[in-house]
C-alpha atoms as a PDB file:
ATOM      1  CA  MET A   1      39.330  -0.196 -90.500  1.00  0.00           C
ATOM      2  CA  LEU A   2      37.099  -2.577 -92.399  1.00  0.00           C
ATOM      3  CA  ASN A   3      35.418  -1.306 -95.537  1.00  0.00           C
ATOM      4  CA  ILE A   4      31.990  -0.807 -93.942  1.00  0.00           C
ATOM      5  CA  SER A   5      29.677   1.820 -95.377  1.00  0.00           C
ATOM      6  CA  LEU A   6      28.583   4.622 -93.069  1.00  0.00           C
ATOM      7  CA  PRO A   7      24.854   3.678 -93.086  1.00  0.00           C
ATOM      8  CA  LEU A   8      25.717   0.074 -92.201  1.00  0.00           C
ATOM      9  CA  ARG A   9      28.084   1.202 -89.444  1.00  0.00           C
ATOM     10  CA  LEU A  10      25.354   3.358 -87.930  1.00  0.00           C
ATOM     11  CA  GLN A  11      22.723   0.628 -88.123  1.00  0.00           C
ATOM     12  CA  LEU A  12      25.018  -2.024 -86.645  1.00  0.00           C
ATOM     13  CA  SER A  13      25.889   0.359 -83.802  1.00  0.00           C
ATOM     14  CA  LEU A  14      22.204   0.948 -83.127  1.00  0.00           C
ATOM     15  CA  VAL A  15      21.482  -2.796 -83.159  1.00  0.00           C
ATOM     16  CA  ILE A  16      24.172  -3.424 -80.535  1.00  0.00           C
ATOM     17  CA  VAL A  17      23.036  -0.505 -78.366  1.00  0.00           C
ATOM     18  CA  ILE A  18      19.325  -1.380 -78.528  1.00  0.00           C
ATOM     19  CA  GLY A  19      20.028  -5.053 -77.832  1.00  0.00           C
ATOM     20  CA  ALA A  20      22.137  -4.204 -74.790  1.00  0.00           C
ATOM     21  CA  ALA A  21      19.604  -1.642 -73.556  1.00  0.00           C
ATOM     22  CA  LEU A  22      16.790  -4.220 -73.660  1.00  0.00           C
ATOM     23  CA  LEU A  23      18.655  -6.821 -71.618  1.00  0.00           C
ATOM     24  CA  LYS A  24      16.998  -8.115 -68.481  1.00  0.00           C
ATOM     25  CA  HIS A  25      18.503  -6.654 -65.323  1.00  0.00           C
ATOM     26  CA  HIS A  26      21.302  -8.610 -63.605  1.00  0.00           C
ATOM     27  CA  THR A  27      21.865 -10.994 -66.519  1.00  0.00           C
ATOM     28  CA  TRP A  28      25.615 -10.502 -66.305  1.00  0.00           C
ATOM     29  CA  PRO A  29      26.681 -13.318 -68.676  1.00  0.00           C
ATOM     30  CA  TYR A  30      24.752 -11.791 -71.584  1.00  0.00           C
ATOM     31  CA  LEU A  31      25.974  -8.331 -70.666  1.00  0.00           C
ATOM     32  CA  ALA A  32      29.523  -9.700 -70.819  1.00  0.00           C
ATOM     33  CA  VAL A  33      28.817 -10.966 -74.355  1.00  0.00           C
ATOM     34  CA  TYR A  34      27.651  -7.495 -75.374  1.00  0.00           C
ATOM     35  CA  GLY A  35      30.767  -6.066 -73.735  1.00  0.00           C
ATOM     36  CA  ALA A  36      32.962  -8.315 -75.860  1.00  0.00           C
ATOM     37  CA  ILE A  37      30.998  -7.276 -78.956  1.00  0.00           C
ATOM     38  CA  ALA A  38      31.448  -3.582 -78.062  1.00  0.00           C
ATOM     39  CA  LEU A  39      35.213  -3.993 -77.663  1.00  0.00           C
ATOM     40  CA  LEU A  40      35.382  -5.904 -80.939  1.00  0.00           C
ATOM     41  CA  TRP A  41      33.405  -3.111 -82.631  1.00  0.00           C
ATOM     42  CA  ALA A  42      35.794  -0.471 -81.286  1.00  0.00           C
ATOM     43  CA  TRP A  43      38.742  -2.530 -82.537  1.00  0.00           C
ATOM     44  CA  LEU A  44      37.218  -2.987 -85.984  1.00  0.00           C
ATOM     45  CA  LEU A  45      36.623   0.756 -86.316  1.00  0.00           C
ATOM     46  CA  ARG A  46      40.168   1.504 -85.116  1.00  0.00           C
ATOM     47  CA  VAL A  47      39.005   4.149 -82.677  1.00  0.00           C
ATOM     48  CA  HIS A  48      41.647   6.336 -81.000  1.00  0.00           C
ATOM     49  CA  LEU A  49      41.695   4.957 -77.444  1.00  0.00           C
ATOM     50  CA  PRO A  50      42.829   8.135 -75.591  1.00  0.00           C
ATOM     51  CA  HIS A  51      39.974  10.132 -77.140  1.00  0.00           C
ATOM     52  CA  LEU A  52      37.532   7.343 -76.345  1.00  0.00           C
ATOM     53  CA  GLY A  53      38.736   7.157 -72.750  1.00  0.00           C
ATOM     54  CA  LYS A  54      38.387  10.899 -72.174  1.00  0.00           C
ATOM     55  CA  LEU A  55      34.898  10.926 -73.629  1.00  0.00           C
ATOM     56  CA  LEU A  56      33.815   7.905 -71.585  1.00  0.00           C
ATOM     57  CA  GLY A  57      35.179   9.434 -68.398  1.00  0.00           C
ATOM     58  CA  THR A  58      33.184  12.623 -68.860  1.00  0.00           C
ATOM     59  CA  GLU A  59      29.988  10.752 -69.711  1.00  0.00           C
ATOM     60  CA  LEU A  60      30.324   8.252 -66.856  1.00  0.00           C
ATOM     61  CA  LEU A  61      30.808  11.045 -64.330  1.00  0.00           C
ATOM     62  CA  PHE A  62      27.372  12.355 -65.263  1.00  0.00           C
ATOM     63  CA  LEU A  63      25.782   8.886 -65.436  1.00  0.00           C
ATOM     64  CA  SER A  64      27.103   7.859 -62.032  1.00  0.00           C
ATOM     65  CA  LEU A  65      25.333  10.807 -60.421  1.00  0.00           C
ATOM     66  CA  LEU A  66      22.062   9.547 -61.900  1.00  0.00           C
ATOM     67  CA  ALA A  67      22.522   5.822 -61.275  1.00  0.00           C
ATOM     68  CA  LEU A  68      24.070   5.614 -57.791  1.00  0.00           C
ATOM     69  CA  PRO A  69      20.921   6.830 -55.954  1.00  0.00           C
ATOM     70  CA  LEU A  70      19.160   3.690 -57.309  1.00  0.00           C
ATOM     71  CA  GLY A  71      21.285   1.450 -55.091  1.00  0.00           C
ATOM     72  CA  TRP A  72      24.650  -0.162 -55.724  1.00  0.00           C
ATOM     73  CA  GLU A  73      23.280  -3.501 -56.999  1.00  0.00           C
ATOM     74  CA  ARG A  74      21.033  -1.920 -59.604  1.00  0.00           C
ATOM     75  CA  ALA A  75      23.388   0.952 -60.381  1.00  0.00           C
ATOM     76  CA  SER A  76      26.332  -1.354 -61.114  1.00  0.00           C
ATOM     77  CA  PHE A  77      24.440  -3.179 -63.860  1.00  0.00           C
ATOM     78  CA  LEU A  78      23.125   0.069 -65.316  1.00  0.00           C
ATOM     79  CA  LEU A  79      26.580   1.665 -65.338  1.00  0.00           C
ATOM     80  CA  VAL A  80      28.252  -1.322 -66.997  1.00  0.00           C
ATOM     81  CA  ARG A  81      25.494  -1.488 -69.591  1.00  0.00           C
ATOM     82  CA  SER A  82      25.834   2.256 -70.175  1.00  0.00           C
ATOM     83  CA  VAL A  83      29.594   1.865 -70.663  1.00  0.00           C
ATOM     84  CA  ILE A  84      28.983  -0.803 -73.319  1.00  0.00           C
ATOM     85  CA  CYS A  85      26.452   1.368 -75.161  1.00  0.00           C
ATOM     86  CA  LEU A  86      28.738   4.396 -74.953  1.00  0.00           C
ATOM     87  CA  ILE A  87      31.734   2.434 -76.254  1.00  0.00           C
ATOM     88  CA  VAL A  88      29.719   1.397 -79.312  1.00  0.00           C
ATOM     89  CA  MET A  89      28.252   4.800 -80.163  1.00  0.00           C
ATOM     90  CA  ASN A  90      31.381   6.785 -79.286  1.00  0.00           C
ATOM     91  CA  SER A  91      33.449   4.455 -81.461  1.00  0.00           C
ATOM     92  CA  PHE A  92      31.100   5.198 -84.338  1.00  0.00           C
ATOM     93  CA  LEU A  93      31.083   8.956 -83.747  1.00  0.00           C
ATOM     94  CA  LEU A  94      34.835   9.284 -83.220  1.00  0.00           C
ATOM     95  CA  THR A  95      35.569   7.469 -86.490  1.00  0.00           C
ATOM     96  CA  LEU A  96      32.920   9.347 -88.465  1.00  0.00           C
ATOM     97  CA  PRO A  97      34.491  11.486 -91.201  1.00  0.00           C
ATOM     98  CA  ALA A  98      33.694  15.182 -91.197  1.00  0.00           C
ATOM     99  CA  HIS A  99      30.394  16.246 -92.751  1.00  0.00           C
ATOM    100  CA  SER A 100      29.318  12.618 -93.246  1.00  0.00           C
ATOM    101  CA  PHE A 101      26.595  12.305 -90.624  1.00  0.00           C
ATOM    102  CA  GLY A 102      23.983  12.792 -93.336  1.00  0.00           C
ATOM    103  CA  ILE A 103      25.382   9.871 -95.304  1.00  0.00           C
ATOM    104  CA  ALA A 104      25.168   7.648 -92.240  1.00  0.00           C
ATOM    105  CA  LEU A 105      21.632   8.842 -91.550  1.00  0.00           C
ATOM    106  CA  LYS A 106      20.319   8.119 -95.039  1.00  0.00           C
ATOM    107  CA  SER A 107      19.112   4.559 -94.644  1.00  0.00           C
ATOM    108  CA  LEU A 108      17.424   4.840 -91.240  1.00  0.00           C
ATOM    109  CA  PRO A 109      13.654   4.236 -91.395  1.00  0.00           C
ATOM    110  CA  LEU A 110      12.732   7.694 -90.135  1.00  0.00           C
ATOM    111  CA  PRO A 111      10.280  10.285 -91.500  1.00  0.00           C
ATOM    112  CA  LEU A 112      11.808  12.592 -94.100  1.00  0.00           C
ATOM    113  CA  PRO A 113      11.260  15.857 -92.122  1.00  0.00           C
ATOM    114  CA  LEU A 114      12.974  14.340 -89.081  1.00  0.00           C
ATOM    115  CA  LYS A 115      15.958  13.283 -91.200  1.00  0.00           C
ATOM    116  CA  GLU A 116      16.263  16.787 -92.635  1.00  0.00           C
ATOM    117  CA  ASN A 117      16.121  18.384 -89.196  1.00  0.00           C
ATOM    118  CA  LEU A 118      18.762  15.994 -87.862  1.00  0.00           C
ATOM    119  CA  LEU A 119      21.010  16.679 -90.825  1.00  0.00           C
ATOM    120  CA  LEU A 120      20.756  20.450 -90.462  1.00  0.00           C
ATOM    121  CA  ALA A 121      21.215  20.243 -86.683  1.00  0.00           C
ATOM    122  CA  GLY A 122      24.326  18.108 -87.157  1.00  0.00           C
ATOM    123  CA  GLN A 123      25.680  20.544 -89.732  1.00  0.00           C
ATOM    124  CA  TYR A 124      25.182  23.563 -87.477  1.00  0.00           C
ATOM    125  CA  LEU A 125      26.678  21.670 -84.534  1.00  0.00           C
ATOM    126  CA  GLU A 126      29.803  21.078 -86.623  1.00  0.00           C
ATOM    127  CA  ILE A 127      29.892  24.807 -87.373  1.00  0.00           C
ATOM    128  CA  LEU A 128      29.642  25.640 -83.657  1.00  0.00           C
ATOM    129  CA  LEU A 129      32.402  23.190 -82.713  1.00  0.00           C
ATOM    130  CA  SER A 130      34.586  24.561 -85.498  1.00  0.00           C
ATOM    131  CA  GLU A 131      34.169  28.098 -84.167  1.00  0.00           C
ATOM    132  CA  VAL A 132      34.980  26.922 -80.624  1.00  0.00           C
ATOM    133  CA  THR A 133      38.187  25.326 -81.912  1.00  0.00           C
ATOM    134  CA  ARG A 134      39.158  28.507 -83.738  1.00  0.00           C
ATOM    135  CA  MET A 135      38.530  30.619 -80.638  1.00  0.00           C
ATOM    136  CA  GLN A 136      40.591  28.246 -78.482  1.00  0.00           C
ATOM    137  CA  ARG A 137      43.464  28.457 -80.955  1.00  0.00           C
ATOM    138  CA  SER A 138      43.157  32.241 -80.940  1.00  0.00           C
ATOM    139  CA  ALA A 139      43.305  32.254 -77.139  1.00  0.00           C
ATOM    140  CA  GLN A 140      46.461  30.112 -77.164  1.00  0.00           C
ATOM    141  CA  LEU A 141      48.116  32.490 -79.631  1.00  0.00           C
ATOM    142  CA  ARG A 142      47.367  35.321 -77.205  1.00  0.00           C
ATOM    143  CA  GLY A 143      49.234  33.511 -74.422  1.00  0.00           C
ATOM    144  CA  LEU A 144      46.227  32.023 -72.622  1.00  0.00           C
ATOM    145  CA  ASN A 145      47.492  28.442 -72.427  1.00  0.00           C
ATOM    146  CA  GLY A 146      45.872  25.649 -70.460  1.00  0.00           C
ATOM    147  CA  SER A 147      42.322  25.085 -69.336  1.00  0.00           C
ATOM    148  CA  ALA A 148      42.400  27.838 -66.707  1.00  0.00           C
ATOM    149  CA  GLY A 149      43.488  30.390 -69.284  1.00  0.00           C
ATOM    150  CA  TRP A 150      40.734  29.315 -71.638  1.00  0.00           C
ATOM    151  CA  LEU A 151      38.120  29.601 -68.859  1.00  0.00           C
ATOM    152  CA  ARG A 152      39.260  33.168 -68.151  1.00  0.00           C
ATOM    153  CA  TYR A 153      39.106  33.941 -71.836  1.00  0.00           C
ATOM    154  CA  ALA A 154      35.601  32.480 -72.296  1.00  0.00           C
ATOM    155  CA  SER A 155      33.757  35.313 -70.575  1.00  0.00           C
ATOM    156  CA  ALA A 156      30.178  36.320 -71.276  1.00  0.00           C
ATOM    157  CA  ALA A 157      31.336  38.646 -74.052  1.00  0.00           C
ATOM    158  CA  MET A 158      33.250  35.841 -75.761  1.00  0.00           C
ATOM    159  CA  ILE A 159      30.256  33.509 -75.525  1.00  0.00           C
ATOM    160  CA  GLY A 160      28.195  36.201 -77.234  1.00  0.00           C
ATOM    161  CA  ALA A 161      30.874  36.576 -79.904  1.00  0.00           C
ATOM    162  CA  LEU A 162      30.875  32.801 -80.398  1.00  0.00           C
ATOM    163  CA  TYR A 163      27.118  32.851 -80.937  1.00  0.00           C
ATOM    164  CA  LEU A 164      27.335  35.712 -83.443  1.00  0.00           C
ATOM    165  CA  ARG A 165      30.184  34.110 -85.366  1.00  0.00           C
ATOM    166  CA  SER A 166      28.384  30.769 -85.498  1.00  0.00           C
ATOM    167  CA  LEU A 167      25.165  32.432 -86.628  1.00  0.00           C
ATOM    168  CA  GLU A 168      26.973  34.410 -89.326  1.00  0.00           C
ATOM    169  CA  ARG A 169      28.739  31.331 -90.628  1.00  0.00           C
ATOM    170  CA  ALA A 170      25.511  29.303 -90.562  1.00  0.00           C
ATOM    171  CA  GLU A 171      23.845  32.005 -92.676  1.00  0.00           C
ATOM    172  CA  ARG A 172      26.705  31.806 -95.186  1.00  0.00           C
ATOM    173  CA  VAL A 173      26.320  28.027 -95.352  1.00  0.00           C
ATOM    174  CA  TYR A 174      22.573  28.343 -95.887  1.00  0.00           C
ATOM    175  CA  THR A 175      23.109  30.947 -98.629  1.00  0.00           C
ATOM    176  CA  ALA A 176      25.555  28.594-100.330  1.00  0.00           C
ATOM    177  CA  MET A 177      22.988  25.785-100.118  1.00  0.00           C
ATOM    178  CA  ILE A 178      20.355  28.001-101.745  1.00  0.00           C
ATOM    179  CA  ALA A 179      22.802  28.929-104.512  1.00  0.00           C
ATOM    180  CA  ARG A 180      23.358  25.221-105.173  1.00  0.00           C
ATOM    181  CA  GLY A 181      19.656  24.494-105.604  1.00  0.00           C
ATOM    182  CA  TYR A 182      18.498  23.629-102.080  1.00  0.00           C
ATOM    183  CA  ASN A 183      14.680  23.773-102.009  1.00  0.00           C
ATOM    184  CA  GLY A 184      13.934  22.636 -98.471  1.00  0.00           C
ATOM    185  CA  GLN A 185      14.472  18.952 -99.125  1.00  0.00           C
ATOM    186  CA  LEU A 186      17.726  17.046 -98.956  1.00  0.00           C
ATOM    187  CA  PRO A 187      18.615  14.077-101.176  1.00  0.00           C
ATOM    188  CA  ILE A 188      18.692  11.539 -98.363  1.00  0.00           C
ATOM    189  CA  ASP A 189      17.133   8.472 -99.962  1.00  0.00           C
ATOM    190  CA  SER A 190      19.492   5.519 -99.933  1.00  0.00           C
ATOM    191  CA  ALA A 191      19.345   1.743 -99.646  1.00  0.00           C
ATOM    192  CA  LEU A 192      21.752  -0.864 -98.360  1.00  0.00           C
ATOM    193  CA  ARG A 193      23.347  -3.323-100.741  1.00  0.00           C
ATOM    194  CA  PRO A 194      22.200  -6.990-100.550  1.00  0.00           C
ATOM    195  CA  LYS A 195      25.320  -8.085 -98.647  1.00  0.00           C
ATOM    196  CA  GLU A 196      24.873  -5.218 -96.206  1.00  0.00           C
ATOM    197  CA  ARG A 197      21.234  -6.177 -95.644  1.00  0.00           C
ATOM    198  CA  LEU A 198      22.326  -9.738 -94.914  1.00  0.00           C
ATOM    199  CA  ALA A 199      24.956  -8.572 -92.423  1.00  0.00           C
ATOM    200  CA  LEU A 200      22.387  -6.352 -90.723  1.00  0.00           C
ATOM    201  CA  LEU A 201      19.857  -9.200 -90.513  1.00  0.00           C
ATOM    202  CA  VAL A 202      22.482 -11.493 -88.968  1.00  0.00           C
ATOM    203  CA  ALA A 203      23.367  -8.816 -86.407  1.00  0.00           C
ATOM    204  CA  CYS A 204      19.682  -8.298 -85.576  1.00  0.00           C
ATOM    205  CA  ALA A 205      19.199 -12.053 -85.157  1.00  0.00           C
ATOM    206  CA  ILE A 206      22.188 -12.351 -82.812  1.00  0.00           C
ATOM    207  CA  ALA A 207      21.070  -9.360 -80.751  1.00  0.00           C
ATOM    208  CA  ALA A 208      17.497 -10.677 -80.553  1.00  0.00           C
ATOM    209  CA  CYS A 209      18.707 -14.118 -79.439  1.00  0.00           C
ATOM    210  CA  LEU A 210      20.920 -12.649 -76.717  1.00  0.00           C
ATOM    211  CA  THR A 211      18.238 -10.300 -75.416  1.00  0.00           C
ATOM    212  CA  ILE A 212      15.452 -12.914 -75.426  1.00  0.00           C
ATOM    213  CA  SER A 213      17.743 -15.463 -73.775  1.00  0.00           C
ATOM    214  CA  SER A 214      18.436 -12.991 -70.973  1.00  0.00           C
ATOM    215  CA  TYR A 215      14.733 -12.950 -70.091  1.00  0.00           C
ATOM    216  CA  GLN A 216      14.565 -16.748 -70.230  1.00  0.00           C
ATOM    217  CA  LEU A 217      17.565 -16.954 -67.892  1.00  0.00           C
ATOM    218  CA  ALA A 218      15.865 -14.599 -65.468  1.00  0.00           C
ATOM    219  CA  VAL A 219      12.669 -16.696 -65.499  1.00  0.00           C
ATOM    220  CA  ASN A 220      14.517 -19.994 -65.010  1.00  0.00           C
ATOM    221  CA  SER A 221      16.552 -18.627 -62.152  1.00  0.00           C
END
């Protein structure tokens, strides 16, 4: 993996996704360029392909149910564009180190309260996923192997236990934050280095050129 800082990786991912999302419909050549960029981005981040494939399959199953009623011609472009956007963002998320979402979020031009809420929500989501993993491991140790066994084990009582365990652990995390001087505000101010700003500007320029050219192609055709 290239030595790319987490804030720059997040901003480059967002530039690619926003550029692809703003493409004019049925401009397949420019969508193919974004597809090549998405695959290059996944290769640069060294994403684990089996995990990426499983995640894409689950997401596309849901997206296809929403897009197919729009008609095959329109739905095909939307689905391919969605795959490109999902490859980019999933590659970023799957290669994100644990507890580092806040670092990646630092340099986004968002209001401070929104950043704090996103950071805390991401932290508590990690706690919930950690508890789910622990409960799945506990179920396997009790002889409930496979997905069917886990579904039998995850009854309403176990879902309630998962909520209580996650809430208890979240309270312990919050108490630890208070003990370390947390006063309602997180130190989330950060700035990109000059070289990183230049790389981001180049990426924005390329994305803007591709997206604007797609509209010009649609007008000329």
